[in-house]
C-alpha atoms as a PDB file:
ATOM      1  CA  MET A   1      51.232 235.500 -52.017  1.00  0.00           C
ATOM      2  CA  GLY A   2      54.320 237.749 -53.480  1.00  0.00           C
ATOM      3  CA  GLN A   3      56.848 235.656 -55.422  1.00  0.00           C
ATOM      4  CA  GLN A   4      55.648 232.502 -54.458  1.00  0.00           C
ATOM      5  CA  LEU A   5      52.535 231.635 -56.765  1.00  0.00           C
ATOM      6  CA  MET A   6      50.232 229.169 -54.724  1.00  0.00           C
ATOM      7  CA  GLU A   7      49.803 226.123 -57.605  1.00  0.00           C
ATOM      8  CA  LYS A   8      46.817 224.861 -55.296  1.00  0.00           C
ATOM      9  CA  SER A   9      44.473 227.528 -55.293  1.00  0.00           C
ATOM     10  CA  ASN A  10      43.373 229.842 -58.344  1.00  0.00           C
ATOM     11  CA  PRO A  11      45.678 232.888 -58.424  1.00  0.00           C
ATOM     12  CA  GLU A  12      43.760 235.891 -58.932  1.00  0.00           C
ATOM     13  CA  ILE A  13      44.693 237.079 -63.007  1.00  0.00           C
ATOM     14  CA  SER A  14      46.192 239.778 -61.917  1.00  0.00           C
ATOM     15  CA  GLU A  15      48.848 238.183 -60.255  1.00  0.00           C
ATOM     16  CA  LEU A  16      49.822 236.141 -63.244  1.00  0.00           C
ATOM     17  CA  ILE A  17      50.319 238.841 -65.209  1.00  0.00           C
ATOM     18  CA  ASP A  18      52.171 240.271 -62.488  1.00  0.00           C
ATOM     19  CA  ARG A  19      54.302 236.820 -62.852  1.00  0.00           C
ATOM     20  CA  TYR A  20      54.626 235.984 -66.196  1.00  0.00           C
ATOM     21  CA  GLY A  21      53.345 239.102 -68.548  1.00  0.00           C
ATOM     22  CA  LYS A  22      56.733 240.162 -69.260  1.00  0.00           C
ATOM     23  CA  GLN A  23      58.271 236.655 -70.206  1.00  0.00           C
ATOM     24  CA  LEU A  24      54.918 235.646 -71.962  1.00  0.00           C
ATOM     25  CA  ILE A  25      55.515 238.707 -74.529  1.00  0.00           C
ATOM     26  CA  ASN A  26      58.908 237.825 -75.166  1.00  0.00           C
ATOM     27  CA  LEU A  27      57.796 234.575 -76.119  1.00  0.00           C
ATOM     28  CA  ALA A  28      55.135 235.667 -78.471  1.00  0.00           C
ATOM     29  CA  TYR A  29      58.066 238.060 -79.698  1.00  0.00           C
ATOM     30  CA  THR A  30      59.885 235.273 -80.844  1.00  0.00           C
ATOM     31  CA  TYR A  31      56.683 234.275 -83.448  1.00  0.00           C
ATOM     32  CA  CYS A  32      55.546 237.371 -84.677  1.00  0.00           C
ATOM     33  CA  LYS A  33      58.982 239.863 -84.099  1.00  0.00           C
ATOM     34  CA  ASP A  34      56.860 243.185 -83.756  1.00  0.00           C
ATOM     35  CA  TRP A  35      56.661 243.732 -80.015  1.00  0.00           C
ATOM     36  CA  SER A  36      53.006 245.566 -79.783  1.00  0.00           C
ATOM     37  CA  MET A  37      51.780 242.737 -81.238  1.00  0.00           C
ATOM     38  CA  SER A  38      53.092 240.230 -79.043  1.00  0.00           C
ATOM     39  CA  GLU A  39      51.317 242.533 -76.345  1.00  0.00           C
ATOM     40  CA  ASP A  40      47.982 242.319 -77.940  1.00  0.00           C
ATOM     41  CA  ILE A  41      48.890 238.237 -78.166  1.00  0.00           C
ATOM     42  CA  VAL A  42      49.515 238.187 -74.685  1.00  0.00           C
ATOM     43  CA  GLN A  43      46.532 240.239 -73.657  1.00  0.00           C
ATOM     44  CA  GLU A  44      44.218 237.426 -75.648  1.00  0.00           C
ATOM     45  CA  VAL A  45      46.365 234.656 -73.759  1.00  0.00           C
ATOM     46  CA  PHE A  46      45.258 236.608 -70.742  1.00  0.00           C
ATOM     47  CA  ILE A  47      41.539 236.954 -71.531  1.00  0.00           C
ATOM     48  CA  SER A  48      41.568 233.238 -72.052  1.00  0.00           C
ATOM     49  CA  ALA A  49      43.250 232.257 -69.182  1.00  0.00           C
ATOM     50  CA  TYR A  50      40.680 234.046 -67.234  1.00  0.00           C
ATOM     51  CA  LYS A  51      37.857 232.532 -68.729  1.00  0.00           C
ATOM     52  CA  ASN A  52      39.493 228.926 -68.468  1.00  0.00           C
ATOM     53  CA  LEU A  53      41.074 229.854 -65.217  1.00  0.00           C
ATOM     54  CA  ASP A  54      38.260 227.360 -63.507  1.00  0.00           C
ATOM     55  CA  ALA A  55      38.749 224.816 -65.743  1.00  0.00           C
ATOM     56  CA  PHE A  56      42.502 224.435 -65.027  1.00  0.00           C
ATOM     57  CA  ASN A  57      43.114 221.227 -64.273  1.00  0.00           C
ATOM     58  CA  ARG A  58      46.821 221.446 -62.305  1.00  0.00           C
ATOM     59  CA  GLN A  59      48.459 218.770 -64.643  1.00  0.00           C
ATOM     60  CA  SER A  60      50.907 221.228 -64.785  1.00  0.00           C
ATOM     61  CA  SER A  61      52.311 224.219 -63.739  1.00  0.00           C
ATOM     62  CA  TYR A  62      50.523 227.340 -64.386  1.00  0.00           C
ATOM     63  CA  LYS A  63      53.733 229.258 -66.260  1.00  0.00           C
ATOM     64  CA  THR A  64      53.441 225.865 -68.317  1.00  0.00           C
ATOM     65  CA  TRP A  65      49.932 226.071 -69.548  1.00  0.00           C
ATOM     66  CA  LEU A  66      50.340 230.129 -69.921  1.00  0.00           C
ATOM     67  CA  TYR A  67      52.890 229.563 -72.268  1.00  0.00           C
ATOM     68  CA  ALA A  68      51.194 226.660 -74.309  1.00  0.00           C
ATOM     69  CA  ILE A  69      47.977 228.995 -74.744  1.00  0.00           C
ATOM     70  CA  THR A  70      50.753 231.966 -75.656  1.00  0.00           C
ATOM     71  CA  ILE A  71      52.369 229.394 -78.435  1.00  0.00           C
ATOM     72  CA  ASN A  72      49.203 228.587 -79.676  1.00  0.00           C
ATOM     73  CA  LYS A  73      47.754 232.090 -79.705  1.00  0.00           C
ATOM     74  CA  SER A  74      51.544 233.044 -81.923  1.00  0.00           C
ATOM     75  CA  LYS A  75      50.849 230.761 -83.954  1.00  0.00           C
ATOM     76  CA  ASP A  76      47.043 231.695 -84.650  1.00  0.00           C
ATOM     77  CA  PHE A  77      48.660 235.080 -85.316  1.00  0.00           C
ATOM     78  CA  LEU A  78      51.133 233.670 -87.879  1.00  0.00           C
ATOM     79  CA  ARG A  79      47.919 231.721 -90.216  1.00  0.00           C
ATOM     80  CA  LYS A  80      46.137 235.178 -90.249  1.00  0.00           C
ATOM     81  CA  PRO A  81      45.673 236.557 -93.383  1.00  0.00           C
ATOM     82  CA  PHE A  82      47.976 239.868 -92.698  1.00  0.00           C
ATOM     83  CA  MET A  83      50.873 237.440 -92.257  1.00  0.00           C
ATOM     84  CA  LYS A  84      51.021 236.161 -95.588  1.00  0.00           C
ATOM     85  CA  GLU A  85      51.970 239.857 -97.235  1.00  0.00           C
ATOM     86  CA  PRO A  86      55.231 239.715 -97.581  1.00  0.00           C
ATOM     87  CA  PHE A  87      57.399 240.690 -94.637  1.00  0.00           C
ATOM     88  CA  PHE A  88      59.530 243.050 -96.623  1.00  0.00           C
ATOM     89  CA  GLN A  89      56.191 244.930 -97.808  1.00  0.00           C
ATOM     90  CA  ARG A  90      54.738 244.684 -94.164  1.00  0.00           C
ATOM     91  CA  LEU A  91      58.133 246.175 -92.822  1.00  0.00           C
ATOM     92  CA  LYS A  92      58.110 248.907 -95.763  1.00  0.00           C
ATOM     93  CA  ASN A  93      54.786 250.006 -94.915  1.00  0.00           C
ATOM     94  CA  LYS A  94      54.504 249.903 -91.529  1.00  0.00           C
ATOM     95  CA  ALA A  95      55.963 253.354 -89.785  1.00  0.00           C
ATOM     96  CA  LYS A  96      59.239 253.208 -88.141  1.00  0.00           C
ATOM     97  CA  PRO A  97      59.001 254.228 -84.198  1.00  0.00           C
ATOM     98  CA  VAL A  98      61.160 257.566 -83.257  1.00  0.00           C
ATOM     99  CA  HIS A  99      62.338 256.120 -80.272  1.00  0.00           C
ATOM    100  CA  PRO A 100      63.493 252.428 -79.860  1.00  0.00           C
ATOM    101  CA  THR A 101      61.096 250.301 -77.903  1.00  0.00           C
ATOM    102  CA  PRO A 102      62.987 249.585 -74.048  1.00  0.00           C
ATOM    103  CA  GLU A 103      63.831 245.580 -75.170  1.00  0.00           C
ATOM    104  CA  GLU A 104      65.655 246.947 -78.691  1.00  0.00           C
ATOM    105  CA  HIS A 105      67.332 249.752 -76.590  1.00  0.00           C
ATOM    106  CA  VAL A 106      68.675 247.090 -73.748  1.00  0.00           C
ATOM    107  CA  ILE A 107      69.338 244.578 -76.597  1.00  0.00           C
ATOM    108  CA  GLN A 108      71.651 247.341 -78.571  1.00  0.00           C
ATOM    109  CA  LYS A 109      73.312 248.311 -74.873  1.00  0.00           C
ATOM    110  CA  GLU A 110      74.502 245.481 -73.682  1.00  0.00           C
ATOM    111  CA  GLY A 111      75.990 244.255 -77.712  1.00  0.00           C
ATOM    112  CA  GLN A 112      73.422 241.226 -77.839  1.00  0.00           C
ATOM    113  CA  HIS A 113      71.527 242.429 -80.598  1.00  0.00           C
ATOM    114  CA  GLY A 114      73.955 240.168 -83.125  1.00  0.00           C
ATOM    115  CA  LEU A 115      73.196 237.136 -80.745  1.00  0.00           C
ATOM    116  CA  ALA A 116      69.259 237.803 -80.101  1.00  0.00           C
ATOM    117  CA  ALA A 117      69.560 238.719 -84.429  1.00  0.00           C
ATOM    118  CA  GLU A 118      71.075 235.259 -84.634  1.00  0.00           C
ATOM    119  CA  VAL A 119      68.244 233.423 -82.776  1.00  0.00           C
ATOM    120  CA  MET A 120      65.678 235.204 -84.404  1.00  0.00           C
ATOM    121  CA  SER A 121      66.555 234.701 -87.645  1.00  0.00           C
ATOM    122  CA  LEU A 122      66.572 230.656 -87.079  1.00  0.00           C
ATOM    123  CA  PRO A 123      63.851 228.947 -88.509  1.00  0.00           C
ATOM    124  CA  ILE A 124      60.617 228.964 -86.021  1.00  0.00           C
ATOM    125  CA  LYS A 125      61.233 224.878 -84.907  1.00  0.00           C
ATOM    126  CA  TYR A 126      64.602 225.857 -83.776  1.00  0.00           C
ATOM    127  CA  ARG A 127      63.980 229.603 -82.224  1.00  0.00           C
ATOM    128  CA  GLU A 128      61.309 228.017 -80.545  1.00  0.00           C
ATOM    129  CA  VAL A 129      62.861 225.362 -78.560  1.00  0.00           C
ATOM    130  CA  ILE A 130      66.302 227.071 -78.539  1.00  0.00           C
ATOM    131  CA  ILE A 131      64.505 230.075 -76.584  1.00  0.00           C
ATOM    132  CA  LEU A 132      62.512 228.024 -74.645  1.00  0.00           C
ATOM    133  CA  TYR A 133      65.304 225.919 -73.577  1.00  0.00           C
ATOM    134  CA  TYR A 134      67.829 228.839 -72.691  1.00  0.00           C
ATOM    135  CA  TYR A 135      65.962 231.778 -72.297  1.00  0.00           C
ATOM    136  CA  ASP A 136      62.597 230.513 -70.774  1.00  0.00           C
ATOM    137  CA  ASP A 137      64.896 227.947 -68.905  1.00  0.00           C
ATOM    138  CA  LEU A 138      62.609 225.410 -69.210  1.00  0.00           C
ATOM    139  CA  SER A 139      63.707 221.679 -68.971  1.00  0.00           C
ATOM    140  CA  THR A 140      63.856 219.507 -72.590  1.00  0.00           C
ATOM    141  CA  LYS A 141      60.528 217.168 -71.122  1.00  0.00           C
ATOM    142  CA  GLU A 142      58.152 220.472 -70.585  1.00  0.00           C
ATOM    143  CA  VAL A 143      59.829 222.066 -74.198  1.00  0.00           C
ATOM    144  CA  ALA A 144      58.126 218.789 -75.552  1.00  0.00           C
ATOM    145  CA  ASP A 145      55.210 219.229 -73.238  1.00  0.00           C
ATOM    146  CA  LEU A 146      54.461 222.799 -74.022  1.00  0.00           C
ATOM    147  CA  LEU A 147      55.094 222.569 -77.974  1.00  0.00           C
ATOM    148  CA  ASN A 148      53.222 218.610 -78.187  1.00  0.00           C
ATOM    149  CA  ILE A 149      56.042 217.051 -79.644  1.00  0.00           C
ATOM    150  CA  PRO A 150      58.015 213.621 -78.557  1.00  0.00           C
ATOM    151  CA  LEU A 151      60.907 214.799 -76.431  1.00  0.00           C
ATOM    152  CA  SER A 152      63.905 212.921 -78.373  1.00  0.00           C
ATOM    153  CA  THR A 153      62.607 215.553 -81.229  1.00  0.00           C
ATOM    154  CA  ALA A 154      62.470 218.437 -78.540  1.00  0.00           C
ATOM    155  CA  LYS A 155      65.993 216.891 -77.855  1.00  0.00           C
ATOM    156  CA  THR A 156      67.058 216.751 -81.871  1.00  0.00           C
ATOM    157  CA  ARG A 157      65.721 220.679 -82.622  1.00  0.00           C
ATOM    158  CA  ILE A 158      67.868 221.786 -79.470  1.00  0.00           C
ATOM    159  CA  GLN A 159      70.589 220.093 -80.804  1.00  0.00           C
ATOM    160  CA  ARG A 160      70.244 221.097 -84.327  1.00  0.00           C
ATOM    161  CA  GLY A 161      69.449 224.582 -83.339  1.00  0.00           C
ATOM    162  CA  ARG A 162      72.657 225.300 -81.722  1.00  0.00           C
ATOM    163  CA  GLN A 163      74.561 223.238 -84.689  1.00  0.00           C
ATOM    164  CA  VAL A 164      72.404 226.112 -86.978  1.00  0.00           C
ATOM    165  CA  LEU A 165      73.586 229.133 -84.239  1.00  0.00           C
ATOM    166  CA  ARG A 166      77.100 228.231 -84.347  1.00  0.00           C
ATOM    167  CA  LYS A 167      77.430 228.408 -88.457  1.00  0.00           C
ATOM    168  CA  GLN A 168      75.723 231.659 -88.525  1.00  0.00           C
ATOM    169  CA  LEU A 169      77.833 233.213 -85.699  1.00  0.00           C
ATOM    170  CA  GLU A 170      81.317 231.335 -87.425  1.00  0.00           C
ATOM    171  CA  GLY A 171      79.813 233.149 -90.267  1.00  0.00           C
ATOM    172  CA  GLY A 172      78.957 230.089 -92.438  1.00  0.00           C
ATOM    173  CA  ASP A 173      75.863 229.737 -94.582  1.00  0.00           C
ATOM    174  CA  PHE A 174      73.964 227.450 -93.258  1.00  0.00           C
ATOM    175  CA  LEU A 175      70.383 226.460 -94.678  1.00  0.00           C
ATOM    176  CA  ALA A 176      68.145 224.478 -92.037  1.00  0.00           C
END
């Protein structure tokens, strides 16, 4: 099967992990902004996928199905009592790693830290559509389906997210 995952037969969970694991971790990170928690979320995603693999109805691709589970698990994570603790308090209480994660190193090395930081600073409703559309290369219809929003809303959020990003990159203060 290799790179081409057969959509008609149930793949092994290990194939789904190999094919989509990194993408899902990156997606989860856009919500929780913590790599280790993103990995934990994705572990939960694959446990859930494993339990429900036989019930998968094939109305969408495995990628879309896994993205939807990841988004839901990430939003569940944000509702946990731990997340109600003020953000700066969590940062203060969290031990700083001695070495940056490989992802952080790559972002810094390639000089894209500024753009990535700006995208991550967007309100969640814009951040998620921008990442799904531009970074994960999903169509507006796929974005709308994943987020369970109307197509027109997805298009508007992508456009509005671009406007907010443009204002931020130009140095203007812009509240969304």
